[in-house]
Amino acid sequence: MRKGAPEAALLYAETQASIAKRENAKATGEGEHALRDRGAGRPTKRQLRDIKRFTGA
């Protein structure tokens, strides 16, 4: 049966090792690889249409 996140959090206990690992990841910026500037990455549908119109493809 599905329950809410606050109730599920009561079922787990965080160890000292996991706390240290989380703090180390925060200090080293380990999770920042997924951040990107807005507009960077794959073109949107609108941009693809503009590219096709510009290149004549």
Protein backbone atom coordinates (compact mmCIF):
# COMPACT_ATOMS: atom_id res chain seq x y z
CA MET A 1 0.00 0.00 0.00
CA ARG A 2 1.35 3.43 -0.91
CA LYS A 3 1.87 5.90 1.91
CA GLY A 4 3.06 9.48 2.13
CA ALA A 5 6.72 10.51 2.30
CA PRO A 6 6.60 11.67 5.96
CA GLU A 7 5.26 8.29 7.03
CA ALA A 8 7.84 6.43 4.92
CA ALA A 9 10.69 8.48 6.43
CA LEU A 10 9.80 7.09 9.85
CA LEU A 11 10.64 3.57 8.62
CA TYR A 12 14.29 4.37 7.84
CA ALA A 13 17.22 5.32 10.02
CA GLU A 14 20.18 7.16 8.51
CA THR A 15 23.61 5.80 9.40
CA GLN A 16 26.69 7.87 10.20
CA ALA A 17 28.27 6.62 6.97
CA SER A 18 25.38 7.84 4.84
CA ILE A 19 25.39 11.24 6.59
CA ALA A 20 29.14 11.62 5.90
CA LYS A 21 28.68 10.56 2.27
CA ARG A 22 25.85 13.09 1.75
CA GLU A 23 27.85 15.92 3.34
CA ASN A 24 30.91 15.03 1.25
CA ALA A 25 28.84 15.08 -1.95
CA LYS A 26 27.43 18.48 -1.01
CA ALA A 27 30.90 19.90 -0.28
CA THR A 28 32.47 18.62 -3.51
CA GLY A 29 29.55 19.65 -5.73
CA GLU A 30 29.05 16.09 -6.91
CA GLY A 31 25.41 16.60 -7.90
CA GLU A 32 25.97 19.76 -9.92
CA HIS A 33 26.77 17.92 -13.16
CA ALA A 34 23.07 17.93 -14.06
CA LEU A 35 22.71 21.71 -13.87
CA ARG A 36 22.72 23.58 -17.16
CA ASP A 37 21.85 27.02 -18.44
CA ARG A 38 18.37 27.64 -19.77
CA GLY A 39 18.35 27.14 -23.53
CA ALA A 40 21.37 24.85 -23.54
CA GLY A 41 20.93 21.30 -24.76
CA ARG A 42 18.53 19.96 -27.36
CA PRO A 43 16.66 22.46 -29.51
CA THR A 44 12.93 22.90 -28.97
CA LYS A 45 10.34 22.13 -31.64
CA ARG A 46 10.18 25.79 -32.53
CA GLN A 47 13.96 26.00 -32.87
CA LEU A 48 14.00 22.86 -35.03
CA ARG A 49 11.40 24.39 -37.36
CA ASP A 50 13.47 27.56 -37.62
CA ILE A 51 16.62 25.53 -38.38
CA LYS A 52 14.83 23.54 -41.09
CA ARG A 53 13.41 26.71 -42.61
CA PHE A 54 16.85 28.39 -42.56
CA THR A 55 18.76 25.44 -44.05
CA GLY A 56 16.05 24.54 -46.56
CA ALA A 57 15.96 20.93 -45.38
